[in-house]
Amino acid sequence: MSVYAVKTTASQERTVADMIMNREAEDIHAALAPDSSSIAEVEHFLSPKPDVEGIAESDIVELIAGPFKGEKAQVQRIDEGKDQVTVELYEATVPIPVTVRGDQIRVLDSEER
């Protein structure tokens, strides 16, 4: 038996649940329409996950935005408070530290893997 989540327009949950139950498919056993939820149930959806989570120093990353887009770099320092990462570009002749936001990089190779 499978469980499916269906995304609906705001305030149309019950209408969509009724439409699904009115189908003549024999494999639909139940449909639930949400009621009120407590804050504790949805709190983990409301707190943002930092972009630098899962990144460690000396990881190999690719810059996916900004002026150095497409360049590979090595992580030198992580500032979790500001959600920024300082990287050193691989193919630069002079090693210059570049600070970028955590959402502008993608981890290619990690020592933890």
PDB file of N, CA and C in Angstrom:
ATOM      1  N   MET A   1       0.847  -1.176   0.000  1.00  0.00           N
ATOM      2  CA  MET A   1       0.000   0.000   0.000  1.00  0.00           C
ATOM      3  C   MET A   1       0.889   1.234   0.000  1.00  0.00           C
ATOM      4  N   SER A   2       0.596   2.201  -0.810  1.00  0.00           N
ATOM      5  CA  SER A   2       1.383   3.421  -0.919  1.00  0.00           C
ATOM      6  C   SER A   2       0.677   4.581  -0.242  1.00  0.00           C
ATOM      7  N   VAL A   3       1.472   5.533   0.196  1.00  0.00           N
ATOM      8  CA  VAL A   3       0.959   6.762   0.790  1.00  0.00           C
ATOM      9  C   VAL A   3       1.417   7.908  -0.099  1.00  0.00           C
ATOM     10  N   TYR A   4       0.512   8.785  -0.479  1.00  0.00           N
ATOM     11  CA  TYR A   4       0.826   9.905  -1.344  1.00  0.00           C
ATOM     12  C   TYR A   4       0.494  11.214  -0.653  1.00  0.00           C
ATOM     13  N   ALA A   5       1.316  12.226  -0.892  1.00  0.00           N
ATOM     14  CA  ALA A   5       1.031  13.583  -0.432  1.00  0.00           C
ATOM     15  C   ALA A   5       0.677  14.399  -1.668  1.00  0.00           C
ATOM     16  N   VAL A   6      -0.398  15.149  -1.593  1.00  0.00           N
ATOM     17  CA  VAL A   6      -0.863  15.930  -2.726  1.00  0.00           C
ATOM     18  C   VAL A   6      -0.820  17.399  -2.349  1.00  0.00           C
ATOM     19  N   LYS A   7      -0.160  18.205  -3.172  1.00  0.00           N
ATOM     20  CA  LYS A   7      -0.092  19.646  -2.939  1.00  0.00           C
ATOM     21  C   LYS A   7      -1.308  20.296  -3.596  1.00  0.00           C
ATOM     22  N   THR A   8      -1.971  21.171  -2.838  1.00  0.00           N
ATOM     23  CA  THR A   8      -3.179  21.808  -3.352  1.00  0.00           C
ATOM     24  C   THR A   8      -3.091  23.317  -3.184  1.00  0.00           C
ATOM     25  N   THR A   9      -4.020  24.002  -3.811  1.00  0.00           N
ATOM     26  CA  THR A   9      -4.161  25.434  -3.617  1.00  0.00           C
ATOM     27  C   THR A   9      -4.619  25.688  -2.189  1.00  0.00           C
ATOM     28  N   ALA A  10      -4.244  26.814  -1.639  1.00  0.00           N
ATOM     29  CA  ALA A  10      -4.602  27.137  -0.256  1.00  0.00           C
ATOM     30  C   ALA A  10      -6.111  27.035  -0.051  1.00  0.00           C
ATOM     31  N   SER A  11      -6.501  26.409   1.029  1.00  0.00           N
ATOM     32  CA  SER A  11      -7.899  26.236   1.451  1.00  0.00           C
ATOM     33  C   SER A  11      -8.699  25.303   0.551  1.00  0.00           C
ATOM     34  N   GLN A  12      -8.057  24.527  -0.308  1.00  0.00           N
ATOM     35  CA  GLN A  12      -8.767  23.595  -1.179  1.00  0.00           C
ATOM     36  C   GLN A  12      -8.480  22.138  -0.819  1.00  0.00           C
ATOM     37  N   GLU A  13      -7.899  21.898   0.358  1.00  0.00           N
ATOM     38  CA  GLU A  13      -7.493  20.549   0.745  1.00  0.00           C
ATOM     39  C   GLU A  13      -8.681  19.599   0.820  1.00  0.00           C
ATOM     40  N   ARG A  14      -9.743  20.033   1.475  1.00  0.00           N
ATOM     41  CA  ARG A  14     -10.901  19.158   1.647  1.00  0.00           C
ATOM     42  C   ARG A  14     -11.570  18.874   0.302  1.00  0.00           C
ATOM     43  N   THR A  15     -11.647  19.857  -0.583  1.00  0.00           N
ATOM     44  CA  THR A  15     -12.244  19.662  -1.905  1.00  0.00           C
ATOM     45  C   THR A  15     -11.466  18.624  -2.702  1.00  0.00           C
ATOM     46  N   VAL A  16     -10.141  18.730  -2.672  1.00  0.00           N
ATOM     47  CA  VAL A  16      -9.305  17.773  -3.403  1.00  0.00           C
ATOM     48  C   VAL A  16      -9.429  16.382  -2.794  1.00  0.00           C
ATOM     49  N   ALA A  17      -9.469  16.284  -1.470  1.00  0.00           N
ATOM     50  CA  ALA A  17      -9.635  14.980  -0.820  1.00  0.00           C
ATOM     51  C   ALA A  17     -10.967  14.351  -1.218  1.00  0.00           C
ATOM     52  N   ASP A  18     -12.029  15.149  -1.287  1.00  0.00           N
ATOM     53  CA  ASP A  18     -13.333  14.625  -1.710  1.00  0.00           C
ATOM     54  C   ASP A  18     -13.295  14.155  -3.165  1.00  0.00           C
ATOM     55  N   MET A  19     -12.617  14.908  -4.030  1.00  0.00           N
ATOM     56  CA  MET A  19     -12.511  14.520  -5.438  1.00  0.00           C
ATOM     57  C   MET A  19     -11.763  13.194  -5.588  1.00  0.00           C
ATOM     58  N   ILE A  20     -10.715  13.011  -4.810  1.00  0.00           N
ATOM     59  CA  ILE A  20      -9.948  11.762  -4.882  1.00  0.00           C
ATOM     60  C   ILE A  20     -10.792  10.591  -4.399  1.00  0.00           C
ATOM     61  N   MET A  21     -11.537  10.781  -3.312  1.00  0.00           N
ATOM     62  CA  MET A  21     -12.359   9.694  -2.773  1.00  0.00           C
ATOM     63  C   MET A  21     -13.529   9.343  -3.699  1.00  0.00           C
ATOM     64  N   ASN A  22     -14.005  10.288  -4.505  1.00  0.00           N
ATOM     65  CA  ASN A  22     -15.124  10.028  -5.407  1.00  0.00           C
ATOM     66  C   ASN A  22     -14.708   9.278  -6.668  1.00  0.00           C
ATOM     67  N   ARG A  23     -13.424   9.120  -6.900  1.00  0.00           N
ATOM     68  CA  ARG A  23     -12.974   8.344  -8.051  1.00  0.00           C
ATOM     69  C   ARG A  23     -13.391   6.884  -7.862  1.00  0.00           C
ATOM     70  N   GLU A  24     -13.504   6.183  -8.956  1.00  0.00           N
ATOM     71  CA  GLU A  24     -13.935   4.791  -8.878  1.00  0.00           C
ATOM     72  C   GLU A  24     -12.753   3.834  -8.831  1.00  0.00           C
ATOM     73  N   ALA A  25     -11.625   4.280  -8.371  1.00  0.00           N
ATOM     74  CA  ALA A  25     -10.457   3.404  -8.242  1.00  0.00           C
ATOM     75  C   ALA A  25     -10.595   2.591  -6.964  1.00  0.00           C
ATOM     76  N   GLU A  26     -10.335   1.297  -7.067  1.00  0.00           N
ATOM     77  CA  GLU A  26     -10.492   0.422  -5.912  1.00  0.00           C
ATOM     78  C   GLU A  26      -9.294   0.471  -4.972  1.00  0.00           C
ATOM     79  N   ASP A  27      -8.185   1.017  -5.434  1.00  0.00           N
ATOM     80  CA  ASP A  27      -6.978   0.998  -4.606  1.00  0.00           C
ATOM     81  C   ASP A  27      -6.873   2.203  -3.669  1.00  0.00           C
ATOM     82  N   ILE A  28      -7.851   3.101  -3.679  1.00  0.00           N
ATOM     83  CA  ILE A  28      -7.855   4.232  -2.749  1.00  0.00           C
ATOM     84  C   ILE A  28      -8.673   3.824  -1.531  1.00  0.00           C
ATOM     85  N   HIS A  29      -8.011   3.726  -0.383  1.00  0.00           N
ATOM     86  CA  HIS A  29      -8.677   3.251   0.828  1.00  0.00           C
ATOM     87  C   HIS A  29      -9.083   4.379   1.770  1.00  0.00           C
ATOM     88  N   ALA A  30      -8.347   5.500   1.732  1.00  0.00           N
ATOM     89  CA  ALA A  30      -8.656   6.597   2.648  1.00  0.00           C
ATOM     90  C   ALA A  30      -8.044   7.882   2.116  1.00  0.00           C
ATOM     91  N   ALA A  31      -8.627   8.994   2.531  1.00  0.00           N
ATOM     92  CA  ALA A  31      -8.089  10.313   2.205  1.00  0.00           C
ATOM     93  C   ALA A  31      -8.219  11.178   3.442  1.00  0.00           C
ATOM     94  N   LEU A  32      -7.187  11.914   3.734  1.00  0.00           N
ATOM     95  CA  LEU A  32      -7.193  12.780   4.911  1.00  0.00           C
ATOM     96  C   LEU A  32      -7.095  14.229   4.464  1.00  0.00           C
ATOM     97  N   ALA A  33      -7.858  15.076   5.069  1.00  0.00           N
ATOM     98  CA  ALA A  33      -7.744  16.509   4.850  1.00  0.00           C
ATOM     99  C   ALA A  33      -7.240  17.107   6.152  1.00  0.00           C
ATOM    100  N   PRO A  34      -6.225  17.950   6.080  1.00  0.00           N
ATOM    101  CA  PRO A  34      -5.612  18.439   7.320  1.00  0.00           C
ATOM    102  C   PRO A  34      -6.512  19.387   8.102  1.00  0.00           C
ATOM    103  N   ASP A  35      -6.322  19.357   9.389  1.00  0.00           N
ATOM    104  CA  ASP A  35      -6.967  20.301  10.286  1.00  0.00           C
ATOM    105  C   ASP A  35      -5.876  21.185  10.865  1.00  0.00           C
ATOM    106  N   SER A  36      -6.139  21.782  11.985  1.00  0.00           N
ATOM    107  CA  SER A  36      -5.146  22.625  12.637  1.00  0.00           C
ATOM    108  C   SER A  36      -3.965  21.786  13.101  1.00  0.00           C
ATOM    109  N   SER A  37      -2.780  22.380  13.032  1.00  0.00           N
ATOM    110  CA  SER A  37      -1.557  21.716  13.492  1.00  0.00           C
ATOM    111  C   SER A  37      -0.934  22.555  14.585  1.00  0.00           C
ATOM    112  N   SER A  38      -0.274  21.880  15.493  1.00  0.00           N
ATOM    113  CA  SER A  38       0.428  22.622  16.542  1.00  0.00           C
ATOM    114  C   SER A  38       1.773  23.102  16.005  1.00  0.00           C
ATOM    115  N   ILE A  39       2.318  24.106  16.650  1.00  0.00           N
ATOM    116  CA  ILE A  39       3.616  24.652  16.252  1.00  0.00           C
ATOM    117  C   ILE A  39       4.695  23.585  16.350  1.00  0.00           C
ATOM    118  N   ALA A  40       4.609  22.718  17.327  1.00  0.00           N
ATOM    119  CA  ALA A  40       5.628  21.676  17.504  1.00  0.00           C
ATOM    120  C   ALA A  40       5.695  20.740  16.295  1.00  0.00           C
ATOM    121  N   GLU A  41       4.560  20.512  15.626  1.00  0.00           N
ATOM    122  CA  GLU A  41       4.535  19.616  14.473  1.00  0.00           C
ATOM    123  C   GLU A  41       5.208  20.213  13.243  1.00  0.00           C
ATOM    124  N   VAL A  42       5.177  21.525  13.112  1.00  0.00           N
ATOM    125  CA  VAL A  42       5.723  22.161  11.909  1.00  0.00           C
ATOM    126  C   VAL A  42       6.965  23.002  12.181  1.00  0.00           C
ATOM    127  N   GLU A  43       7.456  22.980  13.391  1.00  0.00           N
ATOM    128  CA  GLU A  43       8.584  23.836  13.765  1.00  0.00           C
ATOM    129  C   GLU A  43       9.833  23.543  12.938  1.00  0.00           C
ATOM    130  N   HIS A  44      10.090  22.279  12.630  1.00  0.00           N
ATOM    131  CA  HIS A  44      11.283  21.944  11.858  1.00  0.00           C
ATOM    132  C   HIS A  44      11.204  22.452  10.420  1.00  0.00           C
ATOM    133  N   PHE A  45      10.008  22.730   9.906  1.00  0.00           N
ATOM    134  CA  PHE A  45       9.873  23.321   8.584  1.00  0.00           C
ATOM    135  C   PHE A  45      10.168  24.820   8.609  1.00  0.00           C
ATOM    136  N   LEU A  46       9.964  25.454   9.751  1.00  0.00           N
ATOM    137  CA  LEU A  46      10.074  26.901   9.853  1.00  0.00           C
ATOM    138  C   LEU A  46      11.486  27.388  10.148  1.00  0.00           C
ATOM    139  N   SER A  47      12.317  26.556  10.742  1.00  0.00           N
ATOM    140  CA  SER A  47      13.681  26.983  11.056  1.00  0.00           C
ATOM    141  C   SER A  47      14.581  26.676   9.860  1.00  0.00           C
ATOM    142  N   PRO A  48      15.245  27.688   9.309  1.00  0.00           N
ATOM    143  CA  PRO A  48      16.058  27.484   8.108  1.00  0.00           C
ATOM    144  C   PRO A  48      17.321  26.683   8.403  1.00  0.00           C
ATOM    145  N   LYS A  49      17.682  25.836   7.468  1.00  0.00           N
ATOM    146  CA  LYS A  49      18.904  25.052   7.576  1.00  0.00           C
ATOM    147  C   LYS A  49      20.041  25.880   6.980  1.00  0.00           C
ATOM    148  N   PRO A  50      21.155  26.051   7.691  1.00  0.00           N
ATOM    149  CA  PRO A  50      22.253  26.851   7.139  1.00  0.00           C
ATOM    150  C   PRO A  50      22.814  26.214   5.866  1.00  0.00           C
ATOM    151  N   ASP A  51      23.171  27.060   4.898  1.00  0.00           N
ATOM    152  CA  ASP A  51      23.710  26.566   3.637  1.00  0.00           C
ATOM    153  C   ASP A  51      25.086  25.941   3.802  1.00  0.00           C
ATOM    154  N   VAL A  52      25.816  26.327   4.845  1.00  0.00           N
ATOM    155  CA  VAL A  52      27.168  25.800   5.031  1.00  0.00           C
ATOM    156  C   VAL A  52      27.179  24.491   5.810  1.00  0.00           C
ATOM    157  N   GLU A  53      26.017  23.999   6.193  1.00  0.00           N
ATOM    158  CA  GLU A  53      25.948  22.723   6.905  1.00  0.00           C
ATOM    159  C   GLU A  53      26.370  21.602   5.960  1.00  0.00           C
ATOM    160  N   GLY A  54      27.247  20.740   6.416  1.00  0.00           N
ATOM    161  CA  GLY A  54      27.734  19.647   5.584  1.00  0.00           C
ATOM    162  C   GLY A  54      28.994  19.975   4.819  1.00  0.00           C
ATOM    163  N   ILE A  55      29.498  21.186   4.968  1.00  0.00           N
ATOM    164  CA  ILE A  55      30.743  21.594   4.319  1.00  0.00           C
ATOM    165  C   ILE A  55      31.824  21.644   5.383  1.00  0.00           C
ATOM    166  N   ALA A  56      32.983  21.099   5.072  1.00  0.00           N
ATOM    167  CA  ALA A  56      34.100  21.095   6.016  1.00  0.00           C
ATOM    168  C   ALA A  56      35.305  21.768   5.372  1.00  0.00           C
ATOM    169  N   GLU A  57      36.229  22.207   6.207  1.00  0.00           N
ATOM    170  CA  GLU A  57      37.457  22.802   5.688  1.00  0.00           C
ATOM    171  C   GLU A  57      38.213  21.769   4.875  1.00  0.00           C
ATOM    172  N   SER A  58      38.862  22.216   3.833  1.00  0.00           N
ATOM    173  CA  SER A  58      39.646  21.438   2.863  1.00  0.00           C
ATOM    174  C   SER A  58      38.773  20.625   1.902  1.00  0.00           C
ATOM    175  N   ASP A  59      37.450  20.831   1.902  1.00  0.00           N
ATOM    176  CA  ASP A  59      36.592  20.210   0.893  1.00  0.00           C
ATOM    177  C   ASP A  59      36.846  20.873  -0.460  1.00  0.00           C
ATOM    178  N   ILE A  60      36.661  20.108  -1.518  1.00  0.00           N
ATOM    179  CA  ILE A  60      36.762  20.643  -2.866  1.00  0.00           C
ATOM    180  C   ILE A  60      35.354  21.043  -3.294  1.00  0.00           C
ATOM    181  N   VAL A  61      35.199  22.299  -3.726  1.00  0.00           N
ATOM    182  CA  VAL A  61      33.886  22.817  -4.097  1.00  0.00           C
ATOM    183  C   VAL A  61      33.949  23.450  -5.477  1.00  0.00           C
ATOM    184  N   GLU A  62      32.772  23.624  -6.062  1.00  0.00           N
ATOM    185  CA  GLU A  62      32.646  24.351  -7.320  1.00  0.00           C
ATOM    186  C   GLU A  62      31.781  25.570  -7.061  1.00  0.00           C
ATOM    187  N   LEU A  63      32.213  26.712  -7.561  1.00  0.00           N
ATOM    188  CA  LEU A  63      31.424  27.933  -7.423  1.00  0.00           C
ATOM    189  C   LEU A  63      30.338  27.906  -8.488  1.00  0.00           C
ATOM    190  N   ILE A  64      29.093  28.067  -8.080  1.00  0.00           N
ATOM    191  CA  ILE A  64      27.971  27.958  -9.015  1.00  0.00           C
ATOM    192  C   ILE A  64      27.306  29.297  -9.291  1.00  0.00           C
ATOM    193  N   ALA A  65      27.839  30.374  -8.721  1.00  0.00           N
ATOM    194  CA  ALA A  65      27.284  31.704  -8.964  1.00  0.00           C
ATOM    195  C   ALA A  65      28.379  32.735  -8.749  1.00  0.00           C
ATOM    196  N   GLY A  66      28.142  33.921  -9.231  1.00  0.00           N
ATOM    197  CA  GLY A  66      29.093  35.003  -9.029  1.00  0.00           C
ATOM    198  C   GLY A  66      30.127  35.083 -10.140  1.00  0.00           C
ATOM    199  N   PRO A  67      31.120  35.954  -9.975  1.00  0.00           N
ATOM    200  CA  PRO A  67      32.115  36.169 -11.037  1.00  0.00           C
ATOM    201  C   PRO A  67      33.028  34.966 -11.283  1.00  0.00           C
ATOM    202  N   PHE A  68      33.146  34.073 -10.330  1.00  0.00           N
ATOM    203  CA  PHE A  68      34.012  32.904 -10.480  1.00  0.00           C
ATOM    204  C   PHE A  68      33.209  31.636 -10.773  1.00  0.00           C
ATOM    205  N   LYS A  69      32.040  31.787 -11.357  1.00  0.00           N
ATOM    206  CA  LYS A  69      31.158  30.655 -11.644  1.00  0.00           C
ATOM    207  C   LYS A  69      31.892  29.608 -12.485  1.00  0.00           C
ATOM    208  N   GLY A  70      31.787  28.339 -12.049  1.00  0.00           N
ATOM    209  CA  GLY A  70      32.425  27.248 -12.769  1.00  0.00           C
ATOM    210  C   GLY A  70      33.826  26.919 -12.288  1.00  0.00           C
ATOM    211  N   GLU A  71      34.413  27.753 -11.450  1.00  0.00           N
ATOM    212  CA  GLU A  71      35.762  27.521 -10.932  1.00  0.00           C
ATOM    213  C   GLU A  71      35.719  26.518  -9.786  1.00  0.00           C
ATOM    214  N   LYS A  72      36.792  25.753  -9.655  1.00  0.00           N
ATOM    215  CA  LYS A  72      36.928  24.831  -8.529  1.00  0.00           C
ATOM    216  C   LYS A  72      37.803  25.488  -7.480  1.00  0.00           C
ATOM    217  N   ALA A  73      37.516  25.178  -6.226  1.00  0.00           N
ATOM    218  CA  ALA A  73      38.247  25.811  -5.127  1.00  0.00           C
ATOM    219  C   ALA A  73      38.297  24.863  -3.939  1.00  0.00           C
ATOM    220  N   GLN A  74      39.149  25.218  -2.982  1.00  0.00           N
ATOM    221  CA  GLN A  74      39.267  24.456  -1.741  1.00  0.00           C
ATOM    222  C   GLN A  74      38.815  25.347  -0.593  1.00  0.00           C
ATOM    223  N   VAL A  75      38.007  24.792   0.295  1.00  0.00           N
ATOM    224  CA  VAL A  75      37.469  25.548   1.426  1.00  0.00           C
ATOM    225  C   VAL A  75      38.586  25.791   2.435  1.00  0.00           C
ATOM    226  N   GLN A  76      38.762  27.053   2.826  1.00  0.00           N
ATOM    227  CA  GLN A  76      39.771  27.425   3.807  1.00  0.00           C
ATOM    228  C   GLN A  76      39.157  27.714   5.170  1.00  0.00           C
ATOM    229  N   ARG A  77      38.016  28.405   5.173  1.00  0.00           N
ATOM    230  CA  ARG A  77      37.398  28.807   6.441  1.00  0.00           C
ATOM    231  C   ARG A  77      35.880  28.859   6.251  1.00  0.00           C
ATOM    232  N   ILE A  78      35.157  28.530   7.321  1.00  0.00           N
ATOM    233  CA  ILE A  78      33.689  28.543   7.295  1.00  0.00           C
ATOM    234  C   ILE A  78      33.192  29.458   8.400  1.00  0.00           C
ATOM    235  N   ASP A  79      32.326  30.406   8.049  1.00  0.00           N
ATOM    236  CA  ASP A  79      31.705  31.300   9.021  1.00  0.00           C
ATOM    237  C   ASP A  79      30.218  30.951   9.068  1.00  0.00           C
ATOM    238  N   GLU A  80      29.843  30.109  10.031  1.00  0.00           N
ATOM    239  CA  GLU A  80      28.457  29.650  10.109  1.00  0.00           C
ATOM    240  C   GLU A  80      27.507  30.766  10.518  1.00  0.00           C
ATOM    241  N   GLY A  81      27.991  31.740  11.286  1.00  0.00           N
ATOM    242  CA  GLY A  81      27.138  32.845  11.722  1.00  0.00           C
ATOM    243  C   GLY A  81      26.669  33.698  10.559  1.00  0.00           C
ATOM    244  N   LYS A  82      27.563  33.956   9.611  1.00  0.00           N
ATOM    245  CA  LYS A  82      27.225  34.771   8.445  1.00  0.00           C
ATOM    246  C   LYS A  82      26.843  33.922   7.241  1.00  0.00           C
ATOM    247  N   ASP A  83      26.930  32.597   7.381  1.00  0.00           N
ATOM    248  CA  ASP A  83      26.617  31.674   6.297  1.00  0.00           C
ATOM    249  C   ASP A  83      27.522  31.921   5.091  1.00  0.00           C
ATOM    250  N   GLN A  84      28.814  32.120   5.373  1.00  0.00           N
ATOM    251  CA  GLN A  84      29.791  32.389   4.329  1.00  0.00           C
ATOM    252  C   GLN A  84      30.937  31.392   4.399  1.00  0.00           C
ATOM    253  N   VAL A  85      31.571  31.181   3.252  1.00  0.00           N
ATOM    254  CA  VAL A  85      32.702  30.268   3.143  1.00  0.00           C
ATOM    255  C   VAL A  85      33.833  31.008   2.444  1.00  0.00           C
ATOM    256  N   THR A  86      35.042  30.883   2.981  1.00  0.00           N
ATOM    257  CA  THR A  86      36.220  31.447   2.331  1.00  0.00           C
ATOM    258  C   THR A  86      36.918  30.314   1.600  1.00  0.00           C
ATOM    259  N   VAL A  87      37.106  30.488   0.301  1.00  0.00           N
ATOM    260  CA  VAL A  87      37.718  29.458  -0.535  1.00  0.00           C
ATOM    261  C   VAL A  87      38.961  30.016  -1.217  1.00  0.00           C
ATOM    262  N   GLU A  88      39.803  29.104  -1.691  1.00  0.00           N
ATOM    263  CA  GLU A  88      40.994  29.464  -2.449  1.00  0.00           C
ATOM    264  C   GLU A  88      40.878  28.786  -3.807  1.00  0.00           C
ATOM    265  N   LEU A  89      40.900  29.568  -4.868  1.00  0.00           N
ATOM    266  CA  LEU A  89      40.717  29.032  -6.215  1.00  0.00           C
ATOM    267  C   LEU A  89      41.895  28.154  -6.603  1.00  0.00           C
ATOM    268  N   TYR A  90      41.612  27.045  -7.301  1.00  0.00           N
ATOM    269  CA  TYR A  90      42.662  26.116  -7.716  1.00  0.00           C
ATOM    270  C   TYR A  90      43.532  26.679  -8.832  1.00  0.00           C
ATOM    271  N   GLU A  91      42.917  27.198  -9.857  1.00  0.00           N
ATOM    272  CA  GLU A  91      43.644  27.562 -11.061  1.00  0.00           C
ATOM    273  C   GLU A  91      44.155  28.994 -11.050  1.00  0.00           C
ATOM    274  N   ALA A  92      44.124  29.650  -9.917  1.00  0.00           N
ATOM    275  CA  ALA A  92      44.647  31.013  -9.820  1.00  0.00           C
ATOM    276  C   ALA A  92      46.164  30.948  -9.651  1.00  0.00           C
ATOM    277  N   THR A  93      46.875  31.854 -10.313  1.00  0.00           N
ATOM    278  CA  THR A  93      48.336  31.859 -10.197  1.00  0.00           C
ATOM    279  C   THR A  93      48.771  32.331  -8.821  1.00  0.00           C
ATOM    280  N   VAL A  94      48.049  33.279  -8.264  1.00  0.00           N
ATOM    281  CA  VAL A  94      48.330  33.765  -6.916  1.00  0.00           C
ATOM    282  C   VAL A  94      47.173  33.322  -6.021  1.00  0.00           C
ATOM    283  N   PRO A  95      47.448  32.582  -4.947  1.00  0.00           N
ATOM    284  CA  PRO A  95      46.353  32.120  -4.081  1.00  0.00           C
ATOM    285  C   PRO A  95      45.705  33.281  -3.327  1.00  0.00           C
ATOM    286  N   ILE A  96      44.507  33.641  -3.752  1.00  0.00           N
ATOM    287  CA  ILE A  96      43.765  34.738  -3.129  1.00  0.00           C
ATOM    288  C   ILE A  96      42.522  34.148  -2.477  1.00  0.00           C
ATOM    289  N   PRO A  97      42.318  34.401  -1.184  1.00  0.00           N
ATOM    290  CA  PRO A  97      41.087  33.907  -0.551  1.00  0.00           C
ATOM    291  C   PRO A  97      39.874  34.711  -1.031  1.00  0.00           C
ATOM    292  N   VAL A  98      38.827  33.998  -1.392  1.00  0.00           N
ATOM    293  CA  VAL A  98      37.590  34.609  -1.872  1.00  0.00           C
ATOM    294  C   VAL A  98      36.473  34.168  -0.936  1.00  0.00           C
ATOM    295  N   THR A  99      35.716  35.128  -0.417  1.00  0.00           N
ATOM    296  CA  THR A  99      34.600  34.819   0.476  1.00  0.00           C
ATOM    297  C   THR A  99      33.301  34.855  -0.319  1.00  0.00           C
ATOM    298  N   VAL A 100      32.550  33.744  -0.251  1.00  0.00           N
ATOM    299  CA  VAL A 100      31.280  33.635  -0.970  1.00  0.00           C
ATOM    300  C   VAL A 100      30.206  33.139  -0.017  1.00  0.00           C
ATOM    301  N   ARG A 101      28.950  33.347  -0.386  1.00  0.00           N
ATOM    302  CA  ARG A 101      27.840  32.835   0.412  1.00  0.00           C
ATOM    303  C   ARG A 101      27.764  31.322   0.274  1.00  0.00           C
ATOM    304  N   GLY A 102      27.181  30.682   1.264  1.00  0.00           N
ATOM    305  CA  GLY A 102      27.087  29.228   1.272  1.00  0.00           C
ATOM    306  C   GLY A 102      26.232  28.656   0.165  1.00  0.00           C
ATOM    307  N   ASP A 103      25.271  29.438  -0.353  1.00  0.00           N
ATOM    308  CA  ASP A 103      24.419  28.924  -1.424  1.00  0.00           C
ATOM    309  C   ASP A 103      25.049  29.089  -2.802  1.00  0.00           C
ATOM    310  N   GLN A 104      26.256  29.642  -2.867  1.00  0.00           N
ATOM    311  CA  GLN A 104      26.932  29.843  -4.142  1.00  0.00           C
ATOM    312  C   GLN A 104      27.964  28.764  -4.437  1.00  0.00           C
ATOM    313  N   ILE A 105      28.020  27.718  -3.617  1.00  0.00           N
ATOM    314  CA  ILE A 105      28.988  26.650  -3.850  1.00  0.00           C
ATOM    315  C   ILE A 105      28.302  25.291  -3.812  1.00  0.00           C
ATOM    316  N   ARG A 106      28.946  24.322  -4.459  1.00  0.00           N
ATOM    317  CA  ARG A 106      28.474  22.940  -4.455  1.00  0.00           C
ATOM    318  C   ARG A 106      29.670  22.059  -4.123  1.00  0.00           C
ATOM    319  N   VAL A 107      29.515  21.156  -3.172  1.00  0.00           N
ATOM    320  CA  VAL A 107      30.613  20.290  -2.748  1.00  0.00           C
ATOM    321  C   VAL A 107      30.845  19.222  -3.814  1.00  0.00           C
ATOM    322  N   LEU A 108      32.090  19.134  -4.291  1.00  0.00           N
ATOM    323  CA  LEU A 108      32.456  18.113  -5.264  1.00  0.00           C
ATOM    324  C   LEU A 108      33.104  16.914  -4.595  1.00  0.00           C
ATOM    325  N   ASP A 109      34.044  17.184  -3.693  1.00  0.00           N
ATOM    326  CA  ASP A 109      34.770  16.108  -3.030  1.00  0.00           C
ATOM    327  C   ASP A 109      34.968  16.493  -1.575  1.00  0.00           C
ATOM    328  N   SER A 110      34.616  15.583  -0.698  1.00  0.00           N
ATOM    329  CA  SER A 110      34.725  15.841   0.727  1.00  0.00           C
ATOM    330  C   SER A 110      35.592  14.770   1.358  1.00  0.00           C
ATOM    331  N   GLU A 111      36.374  15.148   2.352  1.00  0.00           N
ATOM    332  CA  GLU A 111      37.212  14.174   3.043  1.00  0.00           C
ATOM    333  C   GLU A 111      36.368  13.221   3.877  1.00  0.00           C
ATOM    334  N   GLU A 112      35.155  13.623   4.240  1.00  0.00           N
ATOM    335  CA  GLU A 112      34.273  12.777   5.045  1.00  0.00           C
ATOM    336  C   GLU A 112      33.679  11.638   4.225  1.00  0.00           C
ATOM    337  N   ARG A 113      33.652  11.768   2.904  1.00  0.00           N
ATOM    338  CA  ARG A 113      33.049  10.741   2.040  1.00  0.00           C
ATOM    339  C   ARG A 113      34.021   9.631   1.779  1.00  0.00           C
TER     340      ARG A 113
END
